[in-house]
């Protein structure tokens, strides 16, 4: 890899890290950090964009739990997939995927078959939640 290319990667990654650090200091969790949401200016300075699914986390919180799935598979942190937990670590995981992609020169996103498996898992989790609610209602009203 050429020195110029390595310097460009370094400046770009440093800028993404600084931008992410800034929004985290403001208690904003981006939750959809990926290359398509990082625009480059004329001098290759990165700008983090698309805060459509971002969340503000209060000073007292460090983790949130949600039942809604958002983000881009391949960049979503495992704890969000497994436990629906989001934290600032979720963005750091996405940053790691971006860094790996930049430095390797390959898109190491999750392959399509694994995406289908993840989507199936979300359907199963959703159905389990419905079944749990139904079971609680049956017990509450002594229908079971």
C-alpha atoms as a PDB file:
ATOM      1  CA  UNK A   1       0.000   0.000   0.000  1.00  0.00           C
ATOM      2  CA  UNK A   2       1.413   3.403  -0.947  1.00  0.00           C
ATOM      3  CA  UNK A   3       2.349   5.999   1.648  1.00  0.00           C
ATOM      4  CA  UNK A   4      -0.182   8.468   0.201  1.00  0.00           C
ATOM      5  CA  UNK A   5      -2.978   5.900   0.436  1.00  0.00           C
ATOM      6  CA  UNK A   6      -2.017   4.991   4.005  1.00  0.00           C
ATOM      7  CA  UNK A   7      -1.945   8.682   5.010  1.00  0.00           C
ATOM      8  CA  UNK A   8      -5.369   9.196   3.405  1.00  0.00           C
ATOM      9  CA  UNK A   9      -6.788   6.202   5.312  1.00  0.00           C
ATOM     10  CA  UNK A  10      -5.269   7.493   8.539  1.00  0.00           C
ATOM     11  CA  UNK A  11      -6.728  10.992   8.097  1.00  0.00           C
ATOM     12  CA  UNK A  12     -10.123   9.528   7.152  1.00  0.00           C
ATOM     13  CA  UNK A  13     -10.246   7.089  10.068  1.00  0.00           C
ATOM     14  CA  UNK A  14      -9.044   9.747  12.496  1.00  0.00           C
ATOM     15  CA  UNK A  15     -11.805  12.091  11.297  1.00  0.00           C
ATOM     16  CA  UNK A  16     -14.470   9.396  11.697  1.00  0.00           C
ATOM     17  CA  UNK A  17     -13.176   8.675  15.204  1.00  0.00           C
ATOM     18  CA  UNK A  18     -13.237  12.378  16.101  1.00  0.00           C
ATOM     19  CA  UNK A  19     -16.777  12.758  14.736  1.00  0.00           C
ATOM     20  CA  UNK A  20     -17.968   9.696  16.622  1.00  0.00           C
ATOM     21  CA  UNK A  21     -16.287  10.931  19.799  1.00  0.00           C
ATOM     22  CA  UNK A  22     -18.032  14.295  19.416  1.00  0.00           C
ATOM     23  CA  UNK A  23     -21.530  12.838  18.985  1.00  0.00           C
ATOM     24  CA  UNK A  24     -20.941  10.427  21.891  1.00  0.00           C
ATOM     25  CA  UNK A  25     -19.934  13.364  24.117  1.00  0.00           C
ATOM     26  CA  UNK A  26     -23.290  14.888  23.193  1.00  0.00           C
ATOM     27  CA  UNK A  27     -24.876  11.564  24.317  1.00  0.00           C
ATOM     28  CA  UNK A  28     -26.003  10.705  20.764  1.00  0.00           C
ATOM     29  CA  UNK A  29     -25.789   7.108  19.597  1.00  0.00           C
ATOM     30  CA  UNK A  30     -25.720   6.990  15.777  1.00  0.00           C
ATOM     31  CA  UNK A  31     -26.772   3.310  15.427  1.00  0.00           C
ATOM     32  CA  UNK A  32     -26.300   3.143  11.631  1.00  0.00           C
ATOM     33  CA  UNK A  33     -22.645   3.969  11.141  1.00  0.00           C
ATOM     34  CA  UNK A  34     -21.465   2.550   7.804  1.00  0.00           C
ATOM     35  CA  UNK A  35     -19.426   3.814   4.846  1.00  0.00           C
ATOM     36  CA  UNK A  36     -22.533   5.075   3.040  1.00  0.00           C
ATOM     37  CA  UNK A  37     -23.234   7.354   6.031  1.00  0.00           C
ATOM     38  CA  UNK A  38     -19.771   8.920   5.998  1.00  0.00           C
ATOM     39  CA  UNK A  39     -19.356  11.577   3.338  1.00  0.00           C
ATOM     40  CA  UNK A  40     -15.943  12.916   2.352  1.00  0.00           C
ATOM     41  CA  UNK A  41     -15.256  16.601   1.780  1.00  0.00           C
ATOM     42  CA  UNK A  42     -12.904  18.125  -0.781  1.00  0.00           C
ATOM     43  CA  UNK A  43      -9.857  17.402   1.399  1.00  0.00           C
ATOM     44  CA  UNK A  44     -11.027  13.900   2.349  1.00  0.00           C
ATOM     45  CA  UNK A  45     -12.381  15.103   5.706  1.00  0.00           C
ATOM     46  CA  UNK A  46     -15.155  12.728   6.768  1.00  0.00           C
ATOM     47  CA  UNK A  47     -18.605  13.912   7.819  1.00  0.00           C
ATOM     48  CA  UNK A  48     -20.924  11.518   9.637  1.00  0.00           C
ATOM     49  CA  UNK A  49     -24.438  11.767   8.174  1.00  0.00           C
ATOM     50  CA  UNK A  50     -27.906  10.163   8.369  1.00  0.00           C
ATOM     51  CA  UNK A  51     -28.984  10.382  11.971  1.00  0.00           C
ATOM     52  CA  UNK A  52     -32.399   8.939  11.110  1.00  0.00           C
ATOM     53  CA  UNK A  53     -32.240   6.068  13.617  1.00  0.00           C
ATOM     54  CA  UNK A  54     -29.948   7.721  16.172  1.00  0.00           C
ATOM     55  CA  UNK A  55     -30.934   7.895  19.827  1.00  0.00           C
ATOM     56  CA  UNK A  56     -30.079  10.287  22.621  1.00  0.00           C
ATOM     57  CA  UNK A  57     -29.072   8.515  25.798  1.00  0.00           C
ATOM     58  CA  UNK A  58     -29.483  10.347  29.094  1.00  0.00           C
ATOM     59  CA  UNK A  59     -26.594  10.869  31.517  1.00  0.00           C
ATOM     60  CA  UNK A  60     -27.972   8.154  33.809  1.00  0.00           C
ATOM     61  CA  UNK A  61     -28.111   5.517  31.076  1.00  0.00           C
ATOM     62  CA  UNK A  62     -25.312   3.581  29.475  1.00  0.00           C
ATOM     63  CA  UNK A  63     -27.455   0.929  27.763  1.00  0.00           C
ATOM     64  CA  UNK A  64     -30.920   0.862  26.209  1.00  0.00           C
ATOM     65  CA  UNK A  65     -33.081  -2.110  25.288  1.00  0.00           C
ATOM     66  CA  UNK A  66     -35.385  -1.899  22.294  1.00  0.00           C
ATOM     67  CA  UNK A  67     -37.787  -4.211  20.503  1.00  0.00           C
ATOM     68  CA  UNK A  68     -37.298  -2.411  17.192  1.00  0.00           C
ATOM     69  CA  UNK A  69     -34.565  -3.478  14.822  1.00  0.00           C
ATOM     70  CA  UNK A  70     -32.720  -0.795  12.917  1.00  0.00           C
ATOM     71  CA  UNK A  71     -29.310  -0.316  11.404  1.00  0.00           C
ATOM     72  CA  UNK A  72     -27.588  -2.151   8.598  1.00  0.00           C
ATOM     73  CA  UNK A  73     -26.812  -5.832   8.967  1.00  0.00           C
ATOM     74  CA  UNK A  74     -23.090  -6.368   8.843  1.00  0.00           C
ATOM     75  CA  UNK A  75     -22.506  -3.171  10.812  1.00  0.00           C
ATOM     76  CA  UNK A  76     -24.879  -3.912  13.700  1.00  0.00           C
ATOM     77  CA  UNK A  77     -23.204  -4.994  16.942  1.00  0.00           C
ATOM     78  CA  UNK A  78     -23.795  -8.599  18.116  1.00  0.00           C
ATOM     79  CA  UNK A  79     -25.333  -7.499  21.436  1.00  0.00           C
ATOM     80  CA  UNK A  80     -28.004  -5.622  19.498  1.00  0.00           C
ATOM     81  CA  UNK A  81     -28.754  -8.690  17.401  1.00  0.00           C
ATOM     82  CA  UNK A  82     -28.702 -11.090  20.360  1.00  0.00           C
ATOM     83  CA  UNK A  83     -30.218  -9.035  23.193  1.00  0.00           C
ATOM     84  CA  UNK A  84     -31.639  -5.906  21.519  1.00  0.00           C
ATOM     85  CA  UNK A  85     -29.238  -3.861  23.700  1.00  0.00           C
ATOM     86  CA  UNK A  86     -27.817  -0.637  22.334  1.00  0.00           C
ATOM     87  CA  UNK A  87     -25.025   1.414  23.815  1.00  0.00           C
ATOM     88  CA  UNK A  88     -22.190   3.585  22.605  1.00  0.00           C
ATOM     89  CA  UNK A  89     -20.274   0.348  22.089  1.00  0.00           C
ATOM     90  CA  UNK A  90     -22.656  -0.388  19.207  1.00  0.00           C
ATOM     91  CA  UNK A  91     -21.178   2.504  17.219  1.00  0.00           C
ATOM     92  CA  UNK A  92     -17.643   1.408  18.116  1.00  0.00           C
ATOM     93  CA  UNK A  93     -18.387  -2.040  16.684  1.00  0.00           C
ATOM     94  CA  UNK A  94     -19.607  -0.410  13.448  1.00  0.00           C
ATOM     95  CA  UNK A  95     -16.439   1.700  13.365  1.00  0.00           C
ATOM     96  CA  UNK A  96     -14.374  -1.493  13.626  1.00  0.00           C
ATOM     97  CA  UNK A  97     -16.179  -2.959  10.619  1.00  0.00           C
ATOM     98  CA  UNK A  98     -15.543   0.250   8.643  1.00  0.00           C
ATOM     99  CA  UNK A  99     -11.852   0.179   9.603  1.00  0.00           C
ATOM    100  CA  UNK A 100     -11.554  -3.449   8.577  1.00  0.00           C
ATOM    101  CA  UNK A 101     -13.182  -2.696   5.227  1.00  0.00           C
ATOM    102  CA  UNK A 102     -10.930   0.285   4.567  1.00  0.00           C
ATOM    103  CA  UNK A 103      -7.698  -1.397   5.553  1.00  0.00           C
ATOM    104  CA  UNK A 104      -8.397  -4.730   3.879  1.00  0.00           C
ATOM    105  CA  UNK A 105      -9.768  -3.177   0.705  1.00  0.00           C
ATOM    106  CA  UNK A 106     -12.690  -5.619   0.876  1.00  0.00           C
ATOM    107  CA  UNK A 107     -16.237  -5.324   2.063  1.00  0.00           C
ATOM    108  CA  UNK A 108     -16.321  -7.841   4.889  1.00  0.00           C
ATOM    109  CA  UNK A 109     -20.006  -7.323   5.477  1.00  0.00           C
ATOM    110  CA  UNK A 110     -22.100 -10.306   6.448  1.00  0.00           C
ATOM    111  CA  UNK A 111     -22.807 -12.532   3.434  1.00  0.00           C
ATOM    112  CA  UNK A 112     -26.376 -12.722   2.113  1.00  0.00           C
ATOM    113  CA  UNK A 113     -27.037 -16.210   3.533  1.00  0.00           C
ATOM    114  CA  UNK A 114     -26.084 -15.033   7.018  1.00  0.00           C
ATOM    115  CA  UNK A 115     -28.338 -11.984   6.584  1.00  0.00           C
ATOM    116  CA  UNK A 116     -31.228 -14.326   5.839  1.00  0.00           C
ATOM    117  CA  UNK A 117     -30.410 -16.312   8.987  1.00  0.00           C
ATOM    118  CA  UNK A 118     -30.359 -13.088  11.056  1.00  0.00           C
ATOM    119  CA  UNK A 119     -33.690 -12.019   9.604  1.00  0.00           C
ATOM    120  CA  UNK A 120     -35.120 -15.449  10.429  1.00  0.00           C
ATOM    121  CA  UNK A 121     -33.819 -15.114  13.987  1.00  0.00           C
ATOM    122  CA  UNK A 122     -35.605 -11.777  14.356  1.00  0.00           C
ATOM    123  CA  UNK A 123     -38.853 -13.362  13.186  1.00  0.00           C
ATOM    124  CA  UNK A 124     -38.367 -16.203  15.681  1.00  0.00           C
ATOM    125  CA  UNK A 125     -37.630 -13.724  18.501  1.00  0.00           C
ATOM    126  CA  UNK A 126     -40.723 -11.726  17.593  1.00  0.00           C
ATOM    127  CA  UNK A 127     -42.883 -14.862  17.580  1.00  0.00           C
ATOM    128  CA  UNK A 128     -41.425 -15.918  20.942  1.00  0.00           C
ATOM    129  CA  UNK A 129     -42.379 -12.530  22.397  1.00  0.00           C
ATOM    130  CA  UNK A 130     -45.941 -12.921  21.094  1.00  0.00           C
ATOM    131  CA  UNK A 131     -46.131 -16.439  22.545  1.00  0.00           C
ATOM    132  CA  UNK A 132     -44.868 -15.158  25.904  1.00  0.00           C
ATOM    133  CA  UNK A 133     -47.529 -12.424  25.981  1.00  0.00           C
ATOM    134  CA  UNK A 134     -50.222 -14.954  25.043  1.00  0.00           C
ATOM    135  CA  UNK A 135     -49.054 -17.315  27.787  1.00  0.00           C
ATOM    136  CA  UNK A 136     -49.132 -14.515  30.387  1.00  0.00           C
ATOM    137  CA  UNK A 137     -52.635 -13.527  29.294  1.00  0.00           C
ATOM    138  CA  UNK A 138     -53.833 -17.138  29.451  1.00  0.00           C
ATOM    139  CA  UNK A 139     -52.465 -17.497  32.985  1.00  0.00           C
ATOM    140  CA  UNK A 140     -53.901 -14.148  34.062  1.00  0.00           C
ATOM    141  CA  UNK A 141     -57.388 -15.054  32.894  1.00  0.00           C
ATOM    142  CA  UNK A 142     -57.063 -18.773  33.760  1.00  0.00           C
ATOM    143  CA  UNK A 143     -57.746 -19.841  30.171  1.00  0.00           C
ATOM    144  CA  UNK A 144     -54.851 -22.303  29.918  1.00  0.00           C
END
